[in-house]
Amino acid sequence: MTDPNVDEADDEPFAPKKAARYWTTLEPVVTAAVNKTASRTGREARSLDPVATAFVLWAWQTKGLELDVTRMFRRRVVEEYVHRGMASFTRGSRATYRSVLLTIVGAVTPPSEVPFPIPRSDPTPPYTSPEIAALRSWARAQGSAVRRRDAAVLLAMGFGAGLATRELLSVRTGDIDMRGDDVHILVWAGRPRLVPVLPAWQPGLRTAMEELGDNQWVFRVGRTGVRSAQVTDFLHRGHTTELDVRPARMRTTWLLTHLQAGTPPRDLLRTAGLEHLAALDRIRLFLPSRAPLPSSKSDFERARD
C-alpha cells in the first residue's frame, strides 16, 4: 500500500508531494539519515527516501519528537510507528517499512545505543499568543462550512482538552458531555479518562454538536477508521498555510495553561493521561519564572470538583 503522506516523484531530487508543506523542515533529517544509510549499506537513496520521510513526519508531527536523526531513528520509535502510525497498512507493507526503518536505525544509531530506552528529547514548544490568534483566524478562513467546523473542533480538542492526535481522531459525538457551562470529553483511546474543556475553546465543540448527528466522528465526519495521518490529510486538502498546525504543540500549550493557572500536578497528570511528574517538569521549562510546580487546587479544578 502506498504511504498516505509521501508520494515518490520520478525526477531528482526527491520531493514528496503530500509532505511538501513540511519538506523544508523535514528534509535535513531525512537526507542525513538516508545518505548515511546509503553509504554504509549500498542501498539506493531513492528506495529509502519515501519510507524515511513518512516516518520522520509522524515522529515529528504526531509523536512530538525533536527533529534529530539519532533521537528519531530508534528501534522503539520505529516499533511504535509500525504498530500505531500504520494501522491502515497491509501486514506486508508494515513489514517492509519496518525492515527499511530498522536498516536506517542500524546505520545511523551507534550499536551500543540501539537496545536502550530513547533519551528524553527536548519538549515540544507551546504556541505563543500571536500564534494562537493566527490559528483561530486560520480556522475561520477555511473555504467551506464543514472545513471551518473541522478546524474549530481540531483546535478545541487540542488547545481546550490537550488531546493527542489519535485521541482527538477517536472522539465521537456521544463522547462529549455538555451540562450547563461545562463541556467534558470522554477519552477512550489509549488512556481512558474524562477531560474538561477549557471555557475559551468550548464554542467550537458546542457548534459542532448542534450540527452533528448521534455517534458521528466529531472531527472529519465520514471517516471509516482512525489513523494519525488524517490530521495531515485535512491540512493538505485545505488552503495552503505556513502555520505549524500540530496537536502535539497544542497539547503542550494546554499543559502549560494549566500549570500557569495553578492546577495541581497530580490532578493534571490524571486529566492528561500521564503517569510521571517528569513529563510536567519538562513543560515547566516554559513557565516565565521557571517557578516550582503548584501544589494547591486551582479555581478551574475546584469548579470541576
C-alpha atoms as a PDB file:
ATOM      1  CA  MET A   1       0.000   0.000   0.000  1.00  0.00           C
ATOM      2  CA  THR A   2       1.295   3.432  -0.879  1.00  0.00           C
ATOM      3  CA  ASP A   3       2.030   5.665   2.081  1.00  0.00           C
ATOM      4  CA  PRO A   4      -0.666   8.364   2.541  1.00  0.00           C
ATOM      5  CA  ASN A   5       1.828  11.100   3.375  1.00  0.00           C
ATOM      6  CA  VAL A   6       4.555  10.609   0.805  1.00  0.00           C
ATOM      7  CA  ASP A   7       4.442  10.331  -2.969  1.00  0.00           C
ATOM      8  CA  GLU A   8       7.535   9.400  -4.898  1.00  0.00           C
ATOM      9  CA  ALA A   9       8.450  11.508  -7.882  1.00  0.00           C
ATOM     10  CA  ASP A  10      10.383  10.234 -10.867  1.00  0.00           C
ATOM     11  CA  ASP A  11      12.653  13.253 -11.093  1.00  0.00           C
ATOM     12  CA  GLU A  12      15.637  14.117  -8.949  1.00  0.00           C
ATOM     13  CA  PRO A  13      15.957  15.348  -6.302  1.00  0.00           C
ATOM     14  CA  PHE A  14      13.419  13.548  -4.147  1.00  0.00           C
ATOM     15  CA  ALA A  15      10.462  15.835  -3.361  1.00  0.00           C
ATOM     16  CA  PRO A  16       7.405  14.338  -1.625  1.00  0.00           C
ATOM     17  CA  LYS A  17       4.120  15.792  -2.782  1.00  0.00           C
ATOM     18  CA  LYS A  18       1.850  15.260   0.201  1.00  0.00           C
ATOM     19  CA  ALA A  19       4.571  16.208   2.675  1.00  0.00           C
ATOM     20  CA  ALA A  20       5.643  19.200   0.588  1.00  0.00           C
ATOM     21  CA  ARG A  21       4.371  21.723   3.109  1.00  0.00           C
ATOM     22  CA  TYR A  22       6.788  20.405   5.730  1.00  0.00           C
ATOM     23  CA  TRP A  23       9.604  19.320   3.433  1.00  0.00           C
ATOM     24  CA  THR A  24      11.838  22.318   4.201  1.00  0.00           C
ATOM     25  CA  THR A  25      11.616  21.371   7.869  1.00  0.00           C
ATOM     26  CA  LEU A  26      11.930  17.605   7.448  1.00  0.00           C
ATOM     27  CA  GLU A  27      14.465  17.440   4.606  1.00  0.00           C
ATOM     28  CA  PRO A  28      17.698  17.895   6.641  1.00  0.00           C
ATOM     29  CA  VAL A  29      16.833  14.964   8.931  1.00  0.00           C
ATOM     30  CA  VAL A  30      15.588  12.704   6.150  1.00  0.00           C
ATOM     31  CA  THR A  31      18.565  13.448   3.910  1.00  0.00           C
ATOM     32  CA  ALA A  32      21.111  12.942   6.686  1.00  0.00           C
ATOM     33  CA  ALA A  33      19.617   9.574   7.660  1.00  0.00           C
ATOM     34  CA  VAL A  34      19.168   8.349   4.094  1.00  0.00           C
ATOM     35  CA  ASN A  35      22.623   9.418   2.874  1.00  0.00           C
ATOM     36  CA  LYS A  36      24.378   7.800   5.829  1.00  0.00           C
ATOM     37  CA  THR A  37      22.411   4.594   5.345  1.00  0.00           C
ATOM     38  CA  ALA A  38      23.064   4.532   1.612  1.00  0.00           C
ATOM     39  CA  SER A  39      26.803   4.998   2.078  1.00  0.00           C
ATOM     40  CA  ARG A  40      27.033   2.278   4.733  1.00  0.00           C
ATOM     41  CA  THR A  41      24.741  -0.331   3.187  1.00  0.00           C
ATOM     42  CA  GLY A  42      24.979   0.325  -0.537  1.00  0.00           C
ATOM     43  CA  ARG A  43      21.217   0.711  -0.865  1.00  0.00           C
ATOM     44  CA  GLU A  44      19.846   3.344  -3.229  1.00  0.00           C
ATOM     45  CA  ALA A  45      18.782   6.519  -1.514  1.00  0.00           C
ATOM     46  CA  ARG A  46      15.619   6.669  -3.629  1.00  0.00           C
ATOM     47  CA  SER A  47      14.410   3.412  -2.117  1.00  0.00           C
ATOM     48  CA  LEU A  48      14.842   4.825   1.390  1.00  0.00           C
ATOM     49  CA  ASP A  49      13.524   8.379   0.918  1.00  0.00           C
ATOM     50  CA  PRO A  50       9.728   7.734   0.941  1.00  0.00           C
ATOM     51  CA  VAL A  51       9.827   5.464   3.989  1.00  0.00           C
ATOM     52  CA  ALA A  52      12.154   7.767   5.933  1.00  0.00           C
ATOM     53  CA  THR A  53      10.019  10.817   5.097  1.00  0.00           C
ATOM     54  CA  ALA A  54       6.772   9.198   6.250  1.00  0.00           C
ATOM     55  CA  PHE A  55       8.424   8.078   9.473  1.00  0.00           C
ATOM     56  CA  VAL A  56      10.050  11.440  10.253  1.00  0.00           C
ATOM     57  CA  LEU A  57       6.777  13.280   9.562  1.00  0.00           C
ATOM     58  CA  TRP A  58       4.948  11.002  12.008  1.00  0.00           C
ATOM     59  CA  ALA A  59       7.690  11.172  14.672  1.00  0.00           C
ATOM     60  CA  TRP A  60       7.749  14.970  14.500  1.00  0.00           C
ATOM     61  CA  GLN A  61       4.069  15.790  13.990  1.00  0.00           C
ATOM     62  CA  THR A  62       2.329  13.026  15.948  1.00  0.00           C
ATOM     63  CA  LYS A  63       4.945  11.813  18.417  1.00  0.00           C
ATOM     64  CA  GLY A  64       6.315  15.329  19.005  1.00  0.00           C
ATOM     65  CA  LEU A  65       9.981  14.323  18.848  1.00  0.00           C
ATOM     66  CA  GLU A  66      12.783  16.760  18.185  1.00  0.00           C
ATOM     67  CA  LEU A  67      13.981  16.804  14.578  1.00  0.00           C
ATOM     68  CA  ASP A  68      17.192  14.917  15.235  1.00  0.00           C
ATOM     69  CA  VAL A  69      18.400  11.787  13.414  1.00  0.00           C
ATOM     70  CA  THR A  70      19.673   9.822  16.411  1.00  0.00           C
ATOM     71  CA  ARG A  71      16.656  10.685  18.569  1.00  0.00           C
ATOM     72  CA  MET A  72      14.087   9.762  15.945  1.00  0.00           C
ATOM     73  CA  PHE A  73      15.676   6.699  14.395  1.00  0.00           C
ATOM     74  CA  ARG A  74      15.500   4.425  17.420  1.00  0.00           C
ATOM     75  CA  ARG A  75      14.179   0.892  17.420  1.00  0.00           C
ATOM     76  CA  ARG A  76      11.437   1.632  19.946  1.00  0.00           C
ATOM     77  CA  VAL A  77      10.183   4.633  17.967  1.00  0.00           C
ATOM     78  CA  VAL A  78      10.127   2.532  14.792  1.00  0.00           C
ATOM     79  CA  GLU A  79       8.120  -0.206  16.513  1.00  0.00           C
ATOM     80  CA  GLU A  80       5.596   2.338  17.778  1.00  0.00           C
ATOM     81  CA  TYR A  81       5.264   3.851  14.306  1.00  0.00           C
ATOM     82  CA  VAL A  82       4.665   0.453  12.701  1.00  0.00           C
ATOM     83  CA  HIS A  83       2.014  -0.519  15.255  1.00  0.00           C
ATOM     84  CA  ARG A  84       0.294   2.841  15.740  1.00  0.00           C
ATOM     85  CA  GLY A  85       1.140   5.013  12.769  1.00  0.00           C
ATOM     86  CA  MET A  86       0.497   2.390  10.089  1.00  0.00           C
ATOM     87  CA  ALA A  87      -2.801   0.928  11.262  1.00  0.00           C
ATOM     88  CA  SER A  88      -4.368   1.226   7.797  1.00  0.00           C
ATOM     89  CA  PHE A  89      -1.491  -0.517   6.004  1.00  0.00           C
ATOM     90  CA  THR A  90      -1.438  -4.164   4.988  1.00  0.00           C
ATOM     91  CA  ARG A  91       0.689  -6.546   7.019  1.00  0.00           C
ATOM     92  CA  GLY A  92       3.120  -6.862   4.130  1.00  0.00           C
ATOM     93  CA  SER A  93       3.576  -3.110   3.795  1.00  0.00           C
ATOM     94  CA  ARG A  94       4.134  -2.729   7.511  1.00  0.00           C
ATOM     95  CA  ALA A  95       6.763  -5.451   7.444  1.00  0.00           C
ATOM     96  CA  THR A  96       8.519  -3.771   4.523  1.00  0.00           C
ATOM     97  CA  TYR A  97       8.558  -0.366   6.207  1.00  0.00           C
ATOM     98  CA  ARG A  98       9.782  -1.887   9.449  1.00  0.00           C
ATOM     99  CA  SER A  99      12.637  -3.616   7.668  1.00  0.00           C
ATOM    100  CA  VAL A 100      13.718  -0.434   5.887  1.00  0.00           C
ATOM    101  CA  LEU A 101      13.488   1.687   9.028  1.00  0.00           C
ATOM    102  CA  LEU A 102      15.464  -0.797  11.121  1.00  0.00           C
ATOM    103  CA  THR A 103      18.122  -0.778   8.413  1.00  0.00           C
ATOM    104  CA  ILE A 104      18.338   3.006   8.810  1.00  0.00           C
ATOM    105  CA  VAL A 105      18.444   2.646  12.602  1.00  0.00           C
ATOM    106  CA  GLY A 106      21.338   0.235  12.297  1.00  0.00           C
ATOM    107  CA  ALA A 107      23.218   2.662  10.060  1.00  0.00           C
ATOM    108  CA  VAL A 108      22.686   5.924  11.938  1.00  0.00           C
ATOM    109  CA  THR A 109      22.484   4.830  15.584  1.00  0.00           C
ATOM    110  CA  PRO A 110      25.579   3.510  17.374  1.00  0.00           C
ATOM    111  CA  PRO A 111      25.052  -0.237  18.034  1.00  0.00           C
ATOM    112  CA  SER A 112      25.667   0.175  21.759  1.00  0.00           C
ATOM    113  CA  GLU A 113      22.728   2.566  21.993  1.00  0.00           C
ATOM    114  CA  VAL A 114      20.113   0.693  19.954  1.00  0.00           C
ATOM    115  CA  PRO A 115      18.736  -1.606  22.710  1.00  0.00           C
ATOM    116  CA  PHE A 116      18.437   1.110  25.332  1.00  0.00           C
ATOM    117  CA  PRO A 117      15.484   3.429  26.009  1.00  0.00           C
ATOM    118  CA  ILE A 118      15.125   6.546  23.932  1.00  0.00           C
ATOM    119  CA  PRO A 119      16.812   9.531  25.606  1.00  0.00           C
ATOM    120  CA  ARG A 120      14.458  12.249  26.702  1.00  0.00           C
ATOM    121  CA  SER A 121      14.166  14.800  23.924  1.00  0.00           C
ATOM    122  CA  ASP A 122      13.519  18.485  24.290  1.00  0.00           C
ATOM    123  CA  PRO A 123       9.806  19.128  24.903  1.00  0.00           C
ATOM    124  CA  THR A 124       7.643  20.343  22.049  1.00  0.00           C
ATOM    125  CA  PRO A 125       7.396  24.146  22.438  1.00  0.00           C
ATOM    126  CA  PRO A 126       3.994  25.696  23.172  1.00  0.00           C
ATOM    127  CA  TYR A 127       2.296  28.179  20.883  1.00  0.00           C
ATOM    128  CA  THR A 128       2.651  31.871  21.644  1.00  0.00           C
ATOM    129  CA  SER A 129      -0.398  34.131  21.980  1.00  0.00           C
ATOM    130  CA  PRO A 130       0.084  35.595  18.463  1.00  0.00           C
ATOM    131  CA  GLU A 131       0.396  32.087  17.038  1.00  0.00           C
ATOM    132  CA  ILE A 132      -2.831  31.013  18.753  1.00  0.00           C
ATOM    133  CA  ALA A 133      -4.593  34.085  17.359  1.00  0.00           C
ATOM    134  CA  ALA A 134      -3.287  33.212  13.889  1.00  0.00           C
ATOM    135  CA  LEU A 135      -4.634  29.664  14.215  1.00  0.00           C
ATOM    136  CA  ARG A 136      -8.050  30.970  15.223  1.00  0.00           C
ATOM    137  CA  SER A 137      -8.038  33.170  12.108  1.00  0.00           C
ATOM    138  CA  TRP A 138      -6.906  30.206  10.005  1.00  0.00           C
ATOM    139  CA  ALA A 139      -9.857  28.142  11.256  1.00  0.00           C
ATOM    140  CA  ARG A 140     -12.352  30.904  10.456  1.00  0.00           C
ATOM    141  CA  ALA A 141     -10.876  31.363   6.966  1.00  0.00           C
ATOM    142  CA  GLN A 142     -11.423  27.788   5.762  1.00  0.00           C
ATOM    143  CA  GLY A 143     -13.170  27.518   2.416  1.00  0.00           C
ATOM    144  CA  SER A 144     -16.343  25.696   3.464  1.00  0.00           C
ATOM    145  CA  ALA A 145     -18.631  25.403   6.470  1.00  0.00           C
ATOM    146  CA  VAL A 146     -17.551  21.789   7.002  1.00  0.00           C
ATOM    147  CA  ARG A 147     -13.858  22.676   6.951  1.00  0.00           C
ATOM    148  CA  ARG A 148     -14.445  25.615   9.304  1.00  0.00           C
ATOM    149  CA  ARG A 149     -16.217  23.262  11.713  1.00  0.00           C
ATOM    150  CA  ASP A 150     -13.427  20.676  11.486  1.00  0.00           C
ATOM    151  CA  ALA A 151     -10.735  23.285  12.015  1.00  0.00           C
ATOM    152  CA  ALA A 152     -12.598  24.684  15.019  1.00  0.00           C
ATOM    153  CA  VAL A 153     -13.007  21.295  16.709  1.00  0.00           C
ATOM    154  CA  LEU A 154      -9.386  20.401  15.965  1.00  0.00           C
ATOM    155  CA  LEU A 155      -8.281  23.499  17.866  1.00  0.00           C
ATOM    156  CA  ALA A 156     -10.887  22.952  20.584  1.00  0.00           C
ATOM    157  CA  MET A 157      -9.779  19.392  21.326  1.00  0.00           C
ATOM    158  CA  GLY A 158      -6.109  20.313  21.066  1.00  0.00           C
ATOM    159  CA  PHE A 159      -5.964  23.622  22.930  1.00  0.00           C
ATOM    160  CA  GLY A 160      -9.073  23.053  25.035  1.00  0.00           C
ATOM    161  CA  ALA A 161      -8.564  19.457  26.149  1.00  0.00           C
ATOM    162  CA  GLY A 162      -4.951  18.637  25.291  1.00  0.00           C
ATOM    163  CA  LEU A 163      -5.835  15.516  23.331  1.00  0.00           C
ATOM    164  CA  ALA A 164      -3.130  13.688  21.400  1.00  0.00           C
ATOM    165  CA  THR A 165      -3.666  13.085  17.682  1.00  0.00           C
ATOM    166  CA  ARG A 166      -5.165   9.585  17.881  1.00  0.00           C
ATOM    167  CA  GLU A 167      -7.283  10.594  20.869  1.00  0.00           C
ATOM    168  CA  LEU A 168      -8.953  13.519  19.116  1.00  0.00           C
ATOM    169  CA  LEU A 169      -9.461  11.440  15.988  1.00  0.00           C
ATOM    170  CA  SER A 170     -11.280   8.829  18.102  1.00  0.00           C
ATOM    171  CA  VAL A 171     -13.808  11.232  19.674  1.00  0.00           C
ATOM    172  CA  ARG A 172     -17.440  10.740  18.645  1.00  0.00           C
ATOM    173  CA  THR A 173     -20.404  12.946  19.457  1.00  0.00           C
ATOM    174  CA  GLY A 174     -21.515  10.518  22.164  1.00  0.00           C
ATOM    175  CA  ASP A 175     -18.209  11.102  23.951  1.00  0.00           C
ATOM    176  CA  ILE A 176     -18.928  14.784  24.544  1.00  0.00           C
ATOM    177  CA  ASP A 177     -20.928  15.727  27.604  1.00  0.00           C
ATOM    178  CA  MET A 178     -22.399  19.244  27.816  1.00  0.00           C
ATOM    179  CA  ARG A 179     -24.081  20.255  31.040  1.00  0.00           C
ATOM    180  CA  GLY A 180     -24.700  23.905  31.701  1.00  0.00           C
ATOM    181  CA  ASP A 181     -21.466  25.817  31.329  1.00  0.00           C
ATOM    182  CA  ASP A 182     -19.296  22.686  31.385  1.00  0.00           C
ATOM    183  CA  VAL A 183     -18.089  20.590  28.470  1.00  0.00           C
ATOM    184  CA  HIS A 184     -16.264  17.299  29.043  1.00  0.00           C
ATOM    185  CA  ILE A 185     -14.751  14.821  26.595  1.00  0.00           C
ATOM    186  CA  LEU A 186     -14.696  11.140  27.436  1.00  0.00           C
ATOM    187  CA  VAL A 187     -11.469   9.726  26.027  1.00  0.00           C
ATOM    188  CA  TRP A 188     -11.446   6.012  25.277  1.00  0.00           C
ATOM    189  CA  ALA A 189      -8.327   5.692  23.121  1.00  0.00           C
ATOM    190  CA  GLY A 190      -5.177   4.633  24.926  1.00  0.00           C
ATOM    191  CA  ARG A 191      -5.603   6.414  28.258  1.00  0.00           C
ATOM    192  CA  PRO A 192      -9.318   6.399  29.238  1.00  0.00           C
ATOM    193  CA  ARG A 193     -10.317   9.490  31.222  1.00  0.00           C
ATOM    194  CA  LEU A 194     -12.775  12.394  31.414  1.00  0.00           C
ATOM    195  CA  VAL A 195     -11.284  15.713  30.284  1.00  0.00           C
ATOM    196  CA  PRO A 196     -12.892  19.099  30.985  1.00  0.00           C
ATOM    197  CA  VAL A 197     -12.622  21.540  28.070  1.00  0.00           C
ATOM    198  CA  LEU A 198     -11.235  24.980  28.853  1.00  0.00           C
ATOM    199  CA  PRO A 199     -14.042  27.577  28.550  1.00  0.00           C
ATOM    200  CA  ALA A 200     -12.303  29.644  25.861  1.00  0.00           C
ATOM    201  CA  TRP A 201     -12.365  26.662  23.487  1.00  0.00           C
ATOM    202  CA  GLN A 202     -15.873  25.339  24.158  1.00  0.00           C
ATOM    203  CA  PRO A 203     -17.757  27.277  21.443  1.00  0.00           C
ATOM    204  CA  GLY A 204     -16.259  25.251  18.597  1.00  0.00           C
ATOM    205  CA  LEU A 205     -17.409  21.994  20.155  1.00  0.00           C
ATOM    206  CA  ARG A 206     -20.842  23.341  21.065  1.00  0.00           C
ATOM    207  CA  THR A 207     -21.425  24.467  17.475  1.00  0.00           C
ATOM    208  CA  ALA A 208     -20.289  21.114  16.124  1.00  0.00           C
ATOM    209  CA  MET A 209     -22.610  19.234  18.462  1.00  0.00           C
ATOM    210  CA  GLU A 210     -25.557  21.272  17.176  1.00  0.00           C
ATOM    211  CA  GLU A 211     -24.749  20.231  13.605  1.00  0.00           C
ATOM    212  CA  LEU A 212     -23.672  16.601  14.000  1.00  0.00           C
ATOM    213  CA  GLY A 213     -25.795  13.501  14.490  1.00  0.00           C
ATOM    214  CA  ASP A 214     -25.534  10.676  17.000  1.00  0.00           C
ATOM    215  CA  ASN A 215     -22.347   8.643  17.153  1.00  0.00           C
ATOM    216  CA  GLN A 216     -20.556  10.595  14.423  1.00  0.00           C
ATOM    217  CA  TRP A 217     -16.885  11.474  14.402  1.00  0.00           C
ATOM    218  CA  VAL A 218     -16.503  14.988  15.770  1.00  0.00           C
ATOM    219  CA  PHE A 219     -13.503  15.718  13.537  1.00  0.00           C
ATOM    220  CA  ARG A 220     -13.856  14.846   9.841  1.00  0.00           C
ATOM    221  CA  VAL A 221     -17.221  13.128   9.630  1.00  0.00           C
ATOM    222  CA  GLY A 222     -17.403  10.197   7.224  1.00  0.00           C
ATOM    223  CA  ARG A 223     -14.115   8.517   8.085  1.00  0.00           C
ATOM    224  CA  THR A 224     -14.110   4.735   8.201  1.00  0.00           C
ATOM    225  CA  GLY A 225     -11.474   4.475  10.920  1.00  0.00           C
ATOM    226  CA  VAL A 226      -8.664   6.213  12.768  1.00  0.00           C
ATOM    227  CA  ARG A 227      -5.144   6.794  11.518  1.00  0.00           C
ATOM    228  CA  SER A 228      -2.752   9.534  12.558  1.00  0.00           C
ATOM    229  CA  ALA A 229      -2.270  10.848   9.017  1.00  0.00           C
ATOM    230  CA  GLN A 230      -5.891  12.050   8.897  1.00  0.00           C
ATOM    231  CA  VAL A 231      -4.939  15.336  10.542  1.00  0.00           C
ATOM    232  CA  THR A 232      -2.164  15.829   7.997  1.00  0.00           C
ATOM    233  CA  ASP A 233      -4.566  14.939   5.176  1.00  0.00           C
ATOM    234  CA  PHE A 234      -7.002  17.580   6.407  1.00  0.00           C
ATOM    235  CA  LEU A 235      -4.276  20.230   6.405  1.00  0.00           C
ATOM    236  CA  HIS A 236      -3.054  19.299   2.916  1.00  0.00           C
ATOM    237  CA  ARG A 237      -6.501  19.463   1.363  1.00  0.00           C
ATOM    238  CA  GLY A 238      -7.253  22.924   2.628  1.00  0.00           C
ATOM    239  CA  HIS A 239      -5.990  26.369   1.787  1.00  0.00           C
ATOM    240  CA  THR A 240      -2.193  26.409   1.850  1.00  0.00           C
ATOM    241  CA  THR A 241      -0.814  27.831   5.077  1.00  0.00           C
ATOM    242  CA  GLU A 242       2.639  28.271   6.521  1.00  0.00           C
ATOM    243  CA  LEU A 243       1.294  27.876  10.042  1.00  0.00           C
ATOM    244  CA  ASP A 244       2.577  24.975  12.121  1.00  0.00           C
ATOM    245  CA  VAL A 245      -0.668  23.165  12.959  1.00  0.00           C
ATOM    246  CA  ARG A 246       0.234  20.294  15.288  1.00  0.00           C
ATOM    247  CA  PRO A 247      -1.794  18.590  18.053  1.00  0.00           C
ATOM    248  CA  ALA A 248       1.473  17.879  19.893  1.00  0.00           C
ATOM    249  CA  ARG A 249       2.131  21.618  20.264  1.00  0.00           C
ATOM    250  CA  MET A 250      -1.492  22.248  21.201  1.00  0.00           C
ATOM    251  CA  ARG A 251      -1.181  19.652  23.965  1.00  0.00           C
ATOM    252  CA  THR A 252       1.972  21.304  25.313  1.00  0.00           C
ATOM    253  CA  THR A 253       0.178  24.657  25.278  1.00  0.00           C
ATOM    254  CA  TRP A 254      -2.779  23.133  27.146  1.00  0.00           C
ATOM    255  CA  LEU A 255      -0.492  21.641  29.804  1.00  0.00           C
ATOM    256  CA  LEU A 256       1.307  24.952  30.218  1.00  0.00           C
ATOM    257  CA  THR A 257      -2.024  26.782  30.535  1.00  0.00           C
ATOM    258  CA  HIS A 258      -2.985  24.518  33.437  1.00  0.00           C
ATOM    259  CA  LEU A 259       0.369  24.910  35.152  1.00  0.00           C
ATOM    260  CA  GLN A 260       0.115  28.690  34.872  1.00  0.00           C
ATOM    261  CA  ALA A 261      -3.422  28.523  36.275  1.00  0.00           C
ATOM    262  CA  GLY A 262      -2.234  26.555  39.303  1.00  0.00           C
ATOM    263  CA  THR A 263      -3.801  23.175  38.513  1.00  0.00           C
ATOM    264  CA  PRO A 264      -2.284  20.660  40.991  1.00  0.00           C
ATOM    265  CA  PRO A 265       0.222  18.388  39.229  1.00  0.00           C
ATOM    266  CA  ARG A 266      -1.408  15.142  40.371  1.00  0.00           C
ATOM    267  CA  ASP A 267      -4.789  16.278  39.061  1.00  0.00           C
ATOM    268  CA  LEU A 268      -3.227  17.404  35.796  1.00  0.00           C
ATOM    269  CA  LEU A 269      -1.449  14.075  35.362  1.00  0.00           C
ATOM    270  CA  ARG A 270      -4.744  12.254  35.718  1.00  0.00           C
ATOM    271  CA  THR A 271      -6.593  14.587  33.337  1.00  0.00           C
ATOM    272  CA  ALA A 272      -3.800  14.465  30.766  1.00  0.00           C
ATOM    273  CA  GLY A 273      -3.417  10.690  30.903  1.00  0.00           C
ATOM    274  CA  LEU A 274       0.193  10.968  32.069  1.00  0.00           C
ATOM    275  CA  GLU A 275       1.941   8.822  34.657  1.00  0.00           C
ATOM    276  CA  HIS A 276       5.038  10.666  35.813  1.00  0.00           C
ATOM    277  CA  LEU A 277       5.675  14.158  37.138  1.00  0.00           C
ATOM    278  CA  ALA A 278       8.807  14.320  34.973  1.00  0.00           C
ATOM    279  CA  ALA A 279       6.539  14.988  31.985  1.00  0.00           C
ATOM    280  CA  LEU A 280       5.202  18.128  33.660  1.00  0.00           C
ATOM    281  CA  ASP A 281       8.620  19.164  34.898  1.00  0.00           C
ATOM    282  CA  ARG A 282       9.734  19.374  31.277  1.00  0.00           C
ATOM    283  CA  ILE A 283       6.778  21.628  30.452  1.00  0.00           C
ATOM    284  CA  ARG A 284       7.683  23.782  33.452  1.00  0.00           C
ATOM    285  CA  LEU A 285      10.731  24.927  31.493  1.00  0.00           C
ATOM    286  CA  PHE A 286       8.369  27.162  29.520  1.00  0.00           C
ATOM    287  CA  LEU A 287       6.985  28.938  32.588  1.00  0.00           C
ATOM    288  CA  PRO A 288       8.210  32.563  32.588  1.00  0.00           C
ATOM    289  CA  SER A 289       9.756  32.335  36.044  1.00  0.00           C
ATOM    290  CA  ARG A 290      10.614  28.601  35.998  1.00  0.00           C
ATOM    291  CA  ALA A 291       8.603  28.518  39.222  1.00  0.00           C
ATOM    292  CA  PRO A 292       8.097  25.248  41.118  1.00  0.00           C
ATOM    293  CA  LEU A 293       5.024  23.215  40.250  1.00  0.00           C
ATOM    294  CA  PRO A 294       1.929  24.372  42.178  1.00  0.00           C
ATOM    295  CA  SER A 295       0.525  22.248  44.984  1.00  0.00           C
ATOM    296  CA  SER A 296      -2.899  23.778  45.678  1.00  0.00           C
ATOM    297  CA  LYS A 297      -6.093  23.405  43.709  1.00  0.00           C
ATOM    298  CA  SER A 298      -6.817  25.998  41.055  1.00  0.00           C
ATOM    299  CA  ASP A 299     -10.182  27.679  40.605  1.00  0.00           C
ATOM    300  CA  PHE A 300     -10.625  25.535  37.492  1.00  0.00           C
ATOM    301  CA  GLU A 301     -10.162  22.289  39.403  1.00  0.00           C
ATOM    302  CA  ARG A 302     -12.355  23.412  42.305  1.00  0.00           C
ATOM    303  CA  ALA A 303     -15.105  24.210  39.829  1.00  0.00           C
ATOM    304  CA  ARG A 304     -14.699  20.795  38.243  1.00  0.00           C
ATOM    305  CA  ASP A 305     -14.990  19.071  41.634  1.00  0.00           C
END
